């Protein structure tokens, strides 16, 4: 997403009160501790992301397969 391209990143658990709605550009990092995290590129652009999962205490804080769909 080289300049002047940009995108929008949302992070929310309640759609009526999102925790974050932010303009993102190449190289930006957004932390998503929980909830939903949709994103969209500006018209004519594209957006890519790398999703990682981390924990302070392995096995206690990081629980794979615990997803509500």
PDB file of N, CA and C in Angstrom:
ATOM      1  N   UNK A   1       0.842  -1.180   0.000  1.00  0.00           N
ATOM      2  CA  UNK A   1       0.000   0.000   0.000  1.00  0.00           C
ATOM      3  C   UNK A   1       0.885   1.241   0.000  1.00  0.00           C
ATOM      4  N   UNK A   2       1.711   1.403  -0.993  1.00  0.00           N
ATOM      5  CA  UNK A   2       2.581   2.582  -1.008  1.00  0.00           C
ATOM      6  C   UNK A   2       1.779   3.875  -1.131  1.00  0.00           C
ATOM      7  N   UNK A   3       2.344   4.960  -0.587  1.00  0.00           N
ATOM      8  CA  UNK A   3       1.673   6.270  -0.644  1.00  0.00           C
ATOM      9  C   UNK A   3       1.341   6.601  -2.091  1.00  0.00           C
ATOM     10  N   UNK A   4       0.214   7.194  -2.336  1.00  0.00           N
ATOM     11  CA  UNK A   4      -0.736   7.801  -1.413  1.00  0.00           C
ATOM     12  C   UNK A   4      -1.864   6.869  -0.979  1.00  0.00           C
ATOM     13  N   UNK A   5      -1.736   5.556  -1.183  1.00  0.00           N
ATOM     14  CA  UNK A   5      -2.809   4.621  -0.810  1.00  0.00           C
ATOM     15  C   UNK A   5      -2.997   4.565   0.706  1.00  0.00           C
ATOM     16  N   UNK A   6      -4.201   4.165   1.111  1.00  0.00           N
ATOM     17  CA  UNK A   6      -4.535   4.054   2.522  1.00  0.00           C
ATOM     18  C   UNK A   6      -5.705   3.093   2.675  1.00  0.00           C
ATOM     19  N   UNK A   7      -5.998   2.711   3.909  1.00  0.00           N
ATOM     20  CA  UNK A   7      -7.128   1.838   4.210  1.00  0.00           C
ATOM     21  C   UNK A   7      -7.744   2.228   5.535  1.00  0.00           C
ATOM     22  N   UNK A   8      -8.807   1.533   5.886  1.00  0.00           N
ATOM     23  CA  UNK A   8      -9.495   1.738   7.169  1.00  0.00           C
ATOM     24  C   UNK A   8      -9.462   0.413   7.926  1.00  0.00           C
ATOM     25  N   UNK A   9      -9.059   0.460   9.184  1.00  0.00           N
ATOM     26  CA  UNK A   9      -9.060  -0.712  10.063  1.00  0.00           C
ATOM     27  C   UNK A   9     -10.028  -0.458  11.204  1.00  0.00           C
ATOM     28  N   UNK A  10     -10.941  -1.397  11.422  1.00  0.00           N
ATOM     29  CA  UNK A  10     -11.858  -1.330  12.568  1.00  0.00           C
ATOM     30  C   UNK A  10     -11.518  -2.454  13.532  1.00  0.00           C
ATOM     31  N   UNK A  11     -11.708  -2.206  14.823  1.00  0.00           N
ATOM     32  CA  UNK A  11     -11.612  -3.227  15.857  1.00  0.00           C
ATOM     33  C   UNK A  11     -12.800  -3.004  16.783  1.00  0.00           C
ATOM     34  N   UNK A  12     -13.634  -4.050  16.956  1.00  0.00           N
ATOM     35  CA  UNK A  12     -14.809  -3.867  17.811  1.00  0.00           C
ATOM     36  C   UNK A  12     -15.309  -5.189  18.373  1.00  0.00           C
ATOM     37  N   UNK A  13     -15.930  -5.104  19.519  1.00  0.00           N
ATOM     38  CA  UNK A  13     -16.679  -6.220  20.083  1.00  0.00           C
ATOM     39  C   UNK A  13     -18.169  -5.896  20.040  1.00  0.00           C
ATOM     40  N   UNK A  14     -18.499  -4.601  20.039  1.00  0.00           N
ATOM     41  CA  UNK A  14     -19.884  -4.127  19.914  1.00  0.00           C
ATOM     42  C   UNK A  14     -19.922  -3.146  18.743  1.00  0.00           C
ATOM     43  N   UNK A  15     -20.625  -3.489  17.683  1.00  0.00           N
ATOM     44  CA  UNK A  15     -20.645  -2.672  16.475  1.00  0.00           C
ATOM     45  C   UNK A  15     -21.156  -1.256  16.725  1.00  0.00           C
ATOM     46  N   UNK A  16     -21.987  -1.073  17.752  1.00  0.00           N
ATOM     47  CA  UNK A  16     -22.511   0.261  18.054  1.00  0.00           C
ATOM     48  C   UNK A  16     -21.462   1.161  18.703  1.00  0.00           C
ATOM     49  N   UNK A  17     -20.428   0.562  19.320  1.00  0.00           N
ATOM     50  CA  UNK A  17     -19.365   1.329  19.966  1.00  0.00           C
ATOM     51  C   UNK A  17     -18.009   0.705  19.644  1.00  0.00           C
ATOM     52  N   UNK A  18     -17.489   0.934  18.409  1.00  0.00           N
ATOM     53  CA  UNK A  18     -16.192   0.333  18.055  1.00  0.00           C
ATOM     54  C   UNK A  18     -15.062   0.893  18.915  1.00  0.00           C
ATOM     55  N   UNK A  19     -14.132   0.011  19.267  1.00  0.00           N
ATOM     56  CA  UNK A  19     -12.983   0.431  20.067  1.00  0.00           C
ATOM     57  C   UNK A  19     -11.992   1.239  19.228  1.00  0.00           C
ATOM     58  N   UNK A  20     -11.931   0.948  17.911  1.00  0.00           N
ATOM     59  CA  UNK A  20     -10.961   1.619  17.055  1.00  0.00           C
ATOM     60  C   UNK A  20     -11.487   1.683  15.627  1.00  0.00           C
ATOM     61  N   UNK A  21     -11.405   2.843  15.028  1.00  0.00           N
ATOM     62  CA  UNK A  21     -11.610   3.036  13.594  1.00  0.00           C
ATOM     63  C   UNK A  21     -10.483   3.962  13.166  1.00  0.00           C
ATOM     64  N   UNK A  22      -9.547   3.435  12.383  1.00  0.00           N
ATOM     65  CA  UNK A  22      -8.313   4.165  12.118  1.00  0.00           C
ATOM     66  C   UNK A  22      -7.917   4.081  10.648  1.00  0.00           C
ATOM     67  N   UNK A  23      -7.401   5.186  10.119  1.00  0.00           N
ATOM     68  CA  UNK A  23      -6.793   5.183   8.789  1.00  0.00           C
ATOM     69  C   UNK A  23      -5.430   4.518   8.921  1.00  0.00           C
ATOM     70  N   UNK A  24      -5.138   3.538   8.051  1.00  0.00           N
ATOM     71  CA  UNK A  24      -3.854   2.847   8.085  1.00  0.00           C
ATOM     72  C   UNK A  24      -3.136   3.022   6.755  1.00  0.00           C
ATOM     73  N   UNK A  25      -1.830   3.050   6.841  1.00  0.00           N
ATOM     74  CA  UNK A  25      -0.971   3.177   5.667  1.00  0.00           C
ATOM     75  C   UNK A  25       0.118   2.116   5.743  1.00  0.00           C
ATOM     76  N   UNK A  26       0.919   1.996   4.710  1.00  0.00           N
ATOM     77  CA  UNK A  26       1.974   0.999   4.657  1.00  0.00           C
ATOM     78  C   UNK A  26       2.864   1.085   5.893  1.00  0.00           C
ATOM     79  N   UNK A  27       3.111  -0.056   6.529  1.00  0.00           N
ATOM     80  CA  UNK A  27       3.982  -0.113   7.700  1.00  0.00           C
ATOM     81  C   UNK A  27       3.281   0.070   9.032  1.00  0.00           C
ATOM     82  N   UNK A  28       1.997   0.403   9.041  1.00  0.00           N
ATOM     83  CA  UNK A  28       1.272   0.581  10.301  1.00  0.00           C
ATOM     84  C   UNK A  28       1.009  -0.759  10.975  1.00  0.00           C
ATOM     85  N   UNK A  29       0.897  -0.733  12.306  1.00  0.00           N
ATOM     86  CA  UNK A  29       0.585  -1.908  13.104  1.00  0.00           C
ATOM     87  C   UNK A  29      -0.633  -1.586  13.961  1.00  0.00           C
ATOM     88  N   UNK A  30      -1.585  -2.517  14.013  1.00  0.00           N
ATOM     89  CA  UNK A  30      -2.788  -2.351  14.835  1.00  0.00           C
ATOM     90  C   UNK A  30      -2.895  -3.567  15.748  1.00  0.00           C
ATOM     91  N   UNK A  31      -3.012  -3.342  17.056  1.00  0.00           N
ATOM     92  CA  UNK A  31      -3.207  -4.430  18.013  1.00  0.00           C
ATOM     93  C   UNK A  31      -4.689  -4.710  18.152  1.00  0.00           C
ATOM     94  N   UNK A  32      -5.041  -5.983  18.130  1.00  0.00           N
ATOM     95  CA  UNK A  32      -6.434  -6.401  18.226  1.00  0.00           C
ATOM     96  C   UNK A  32      -6.565  -7.418  19.356  1.00  0.00           C
ATOM     97  N   UNK A  33      -6.764  -6.962  20.585  1.00  0.00           N
ATOM     98  CA  UNK A  33      -6.795  -7.894  21.710  1.00  0.00           C
ATOM     99  C   UNK A  33      -7.996  -8.837  21.707  1.00  0.00           C
ATOM    100  N   UNK A  34      -9.075  -8.436  21.065  1.00  0.00           N
ATOM    101  CA  UNK A  34     -10.263  -9.291  20.994  1.00  0.00           C
ATOM    102  C   UNK A  34     -11.238  -8.706  19.985  1.00  0.00           C
ATOM    103  N   UNK A  35     -12.278  -9.455  19.702  1.00  0.00           N
ATOM    104  CA  UNK A  35     -13.346  -8.947  18.852  1.00  0.00           C
ATOM    105  C   UNK A  35     -13.104  -9.117  17.367  1.00  0.00           C
ATOM    106  N   UNK A  36     -13.843  -8.336  16.601  1.00  0.00           N
ATOM    107  CA  UNK A  36     -13.803  -8.394  15.147  1.00  0.00           C
ATOM    108  C   UNK A  36     -12.823  -7.357  14.630  1.00  0.00           C
ATOM    109  N   UNK A  37     -12.281  -7.582  13.434  1.00  0.00           N
ATOM    110  CA  UNK A  37     -11.267  -6.679  12.909  1.00  0.00           C
ATOM    111  C   UNK A  37     -11.309  -6.579  11.385  1.00  0.00           C
ATOM    112  N   UNK A  38     -12.425  -6.064  10.838  1.00  0.00           N
ATOM    113  CA  UNK A  38     -12.498  -5.897   9.381  1.00  0.00           C
ATOM    114  C   UNK A  38     -11.640  -4.725   8.911  1.00  0.00           C
ATOM    115  N   UNK A  39     -11.207  -4.800   7.656  1.00  0.00           N
ATOM    116  CA  UNK A  39     -10.473  -3.687   7.060  1.00  0.00           C
ATOM    117  C   UNK A  39     -10.882  -3.538   5.603  1.00  0.00           C
ATOM    118  N   UNK A  40     -10.609  -2.391   5.044  1.00  0.00           N
ATOM    119  CA  UNK A  40     -10.953  -2.118   3.647  1.00  0.00           C
ATOM    120  C   UNK A  40      -9.953  -1.120   3.088  1.00  0.00           C
ATOM    121  N   UNK A  41      -9.610  -1.290   1.809  1.00  0.00           N
ATOM    122  CA  UNK A  41      -8.699  -0.362   1.137  1.00  0.00           C
ATOM    123  C   UNK A  41      -9.498   0.772   0.525  1.00  0.00           C
ATOM    124  N   UNK A  42      -8.827   1.903   0.303  1.00  0.00           N
ATOM    125  CA  UNK A  42      -9.438   3.027  -0.396  1.00  0.00           C
ATOM    126  C   UNK A  42      -9.760   2.591  -1.821  1.00  0.00           C
ATOM    127  N   UNK A  43     -10.735   3.230  -2.475  1.00  0.00           N
ATOM    128  CA  UNK A  43     -11.082   2.869  -3.853  1.00  0.00           C
ATOM    129  C   UNK A  43      -9.852   2.880  -4.769  1.00  0.00           C
ATOM    130  N   UNK A  44      -9.727   1.827  -5.563  1.00  0.00           N
ATOM    131  CA  UNK A  44      -8.606   1.716  -6.494  1.00  0.00           C
ATOM    132  C   UNK A  44      -7.348   1.149  -5.870  1.00  0.00           C
ATOM    133  N   UNK A  45      -7.361   0.875  -4.567  1.00  0.00           N
ATOM    134  CA  UNK A  45      -6.189   0.343  -3.879  1.00  0.00           C
ATOM    135  C   UNK A  45      -6.410  -1.083  -3.442  1.00  0.00           C
ATOM    136  N   UNK A  46      -5.456  -1.615  -2.735  1.00  0.00           N
ATOM    137  CA  UNK A  46      -5.591  -2.946  -2.145  1.00  0.00           C
ATOM    138  C   UNK A  46      -4.946  -2.944  -0.774  1.00  0.00           C
ATOM    139  N   UNK A  47      -5.382  -3.876   0.070  1.00  0.00           N
ATOM    140  CA  UNK A  47      -4.830  -3.955   1.422  1.00  0.00           C
ATOM    141  C   UNK A  47      -4.472  -5.408   1.712  1.00  0.00           C
ATOM    142  N   UNK A  48      -3.352  -5.608   2.347  1.00  0.00           N
ATOM    143  CA  UNK A  48      -2.900  -6.922   2.783  1.00  0.00           C
ATOM    144  C   UNK A  48      -2.567  -6.823   4.260  1.00  0.00           C
ATOM    145  N   UNK A  49      -2.654  -7.934   4.966  1.00  0.00           N
ATOM    146  CA  UNK A  49      -2.312  -7.903   6.379  1.00  0.00           C
ATOM    147  C   UNK A  49      -1.705  -9.220   6.807  1.00  0.00           C
ATOM    148  N   UNK A  50      -0.937  -9.164   7.842  1.00  0.00           N
ATOM    149  CA  UNK A  50      -0.337 -10.328   8.465  1.00  0.00           C
ATOM    150  C   UNK A  50      -0.972 -10.468   9.839  1.00  0.00           C
ATOM    151  N   UNK A  51      -1.545 -11.611  10.105  1.00  0.00           N
ATOM    152  CA  UNK A  51      -2.253 -11.834  11.366  1.00  0.00           C
ATOM    153  C   UNK A  51      -1.416 -12.771  12.215  1.00  0.00           C
ATOM    154  N   UNK A  52      -1.123 -12.361  13.450  1.00  0.00           N
ATOM    155  CA  UNK A  52      -0.341 -13.193  14.365  1.00  0.00           C
ATOM    156  C   UNK A  52      -1.061 -13.283  15.708  1.00  0.00           C
ATOM    157  N   UNK A  53      -0.799 -14.372  16.407  1.00  0.00           N
ATOM    158  CA  UNK A  53      -1.381 -14.564  17.728  1.00  0.00           C
ATOM    159  C   UNK A  53      -0.246 -14.759  18.718  1.00  0.00           C
ATOM    160  N   UNK A  54      -0.306 -14.040  19.827  1.00  0.00           N
ATOM    161  CA  UNK A  54       0.748 -14.134  20.837  1.00  0.00           C
ATOM    162  C   UNK A  54       0.124 -14.187  22.227  1.00  0.00           C
ATOM    163  N   UNK A  55       0.928 -14.585  23.208  1.00  0.00           N
ATOM    164  CA  UNK A  55       0.429 -14.674  24.577  1.00  0.00           C
ATOM    165  C   UNK A  55       1.566 -14.421  25.563  1.00  0.00           C
ATOM    166  N   UNK A  56       1.203 -13.932  26.726  1.00  0.00           N
ATOM    167  CA  UNK A  56       2.184 -13.765  27.801  1.00  0.00           C
ATOM    168  C   UNK A  56       2.532 -15.104  28.438  1.00  0.00           C
ATOM    169  N   UNK A  57       1.512 -15.942  28.629  1.00  0.00           N
ATOM    170  CA  UNK A  57       1.720 -17.254  29.260  1.00  0.00           C
ATOM    171  C   UNK A  57       1.210 -18.337  28.315  1.00  0.00           C
ATOM    172  N   UNK A  58       2.132 -19.064  27.706  1.00  0.00           N
ATOM    173  CA  UNK A  58       1.757 -20.101  26.755  1.00  0.00           C
ATOM    174  C   UNK A  58       0.866 -21.148  27.426  1.00  0.00           C
ATOM    175  N   UNK A  59      -0.196 -21.507  26.752  1.00  0.00           N
ATOM    176  CA  UNK A  59      -1.105 -22.520  27.278  1.00  0.00           C
ATOM    177  C   UNK A  59      -2.197 -21.961  28.167  1.00  0.00           C
ATOM    178  N   UNK A  60      -1.953 -20.817  28.794  1.00  0.00           N
ATOM    179  CA  UNK A  60      -2.972 -20.203  29.649  1.00  0.00           C
ATOM    180  C   UNK A  60      -3.661 -19.063  28.904  1.00  0.00           C
ATOM    181  N   UNK A  61      -2.873 -18.139  28.379  1.00  0.00           N
ATOM    182  CA  UNK A  61      -3.434 -16.996  27.663  1.00  0.00           C
ATOM    183  C   UNK A  61      -3.731 -17.308  26.199  1.00  0.00           C
ATOM    184  N   UNK A  62      -2.991 -18.240  25.619  1.00  0.00           N
ATOM    185  CA  UNK A  62      -3.161 -18.553  24.199  1.00  0.00           C
ATOM    186  C   UNK A  62      -3.951 -19.843  24.062  1.00  0.00           C
ATOM    187  N   UNK A  63      -5.154 -19.732  23.553  1.00  0.00           N
ATOM    188  CA  UNK A  63      -6.021 -20.890  23.399  1.00  0.00           C
ATOM    189  C   UNK A  63      -6.454 -20.985  21.925  1.00  0.00           C
ATOM    190  N   UNK A  64      -5.910 -21.935  21.202  1.00  0.00           N
ATOM    191  CA  UNK A  64      -6.259 -22.128  19.812  1.00  0.00           C
ATOM    192  C   UNK A  64      -7.610 -22.824  19.696  1.00  0.00           C
ATOM    193  N   UNK A  65      -8.329 -22.508  18.652  1.00  0.00           N
ATOM    194  CA  UNK A  65      -9.599 -23.170  18.396  1.00  0.00           C
ATOM    195  C   UNK A  65     -10.753 -22.628  19.212  1.00  0.00           C
ATOM    196  N   UNK A  66     -10.571 -21.562  19.964  1.00  0.00           N
ATOM    197  CA  UNK A  66     -11.631 -20.973  20.754  1.00  0.00           C
ATOM    198  C   UNK A  66     -12.178 -19.770  19.966  1.00  0.00           C
ATOM    199  N   UNK A  67     -12.989 -20.088  18.965  1.00  0.00           N
ATOM    200  CA  UNK A  67     -13.493 -19.061  18.065  1.00  0.00           C
ATOM    201  C   UNK A  67     -15.007 -19.136  18.031  1.00  0.00           C
ATOM    202  N   UNK A  68     -15.652 -17.990  18.187  1.00  0.00           N
ATOM    203  CA  UNK A  68     -17.111 -17.918  18.066  1.00  0.00           C
ATOM    204  C   UNK A  68     -17.445 -17.390  16.688  1.00  0.00           C
ATOM    205  N   UNK A  69     -18.143 -18.189  15.894  1.00  0.00           N
ATOM    206  CA  UNK A  69     -18.528 -17.773  14.537  1.00  0.00           C
ATOM    207  C   UNK A  69     -20.028 -17.614  14.490  1.00  0.00           C
TER     208      UNK A  69
END
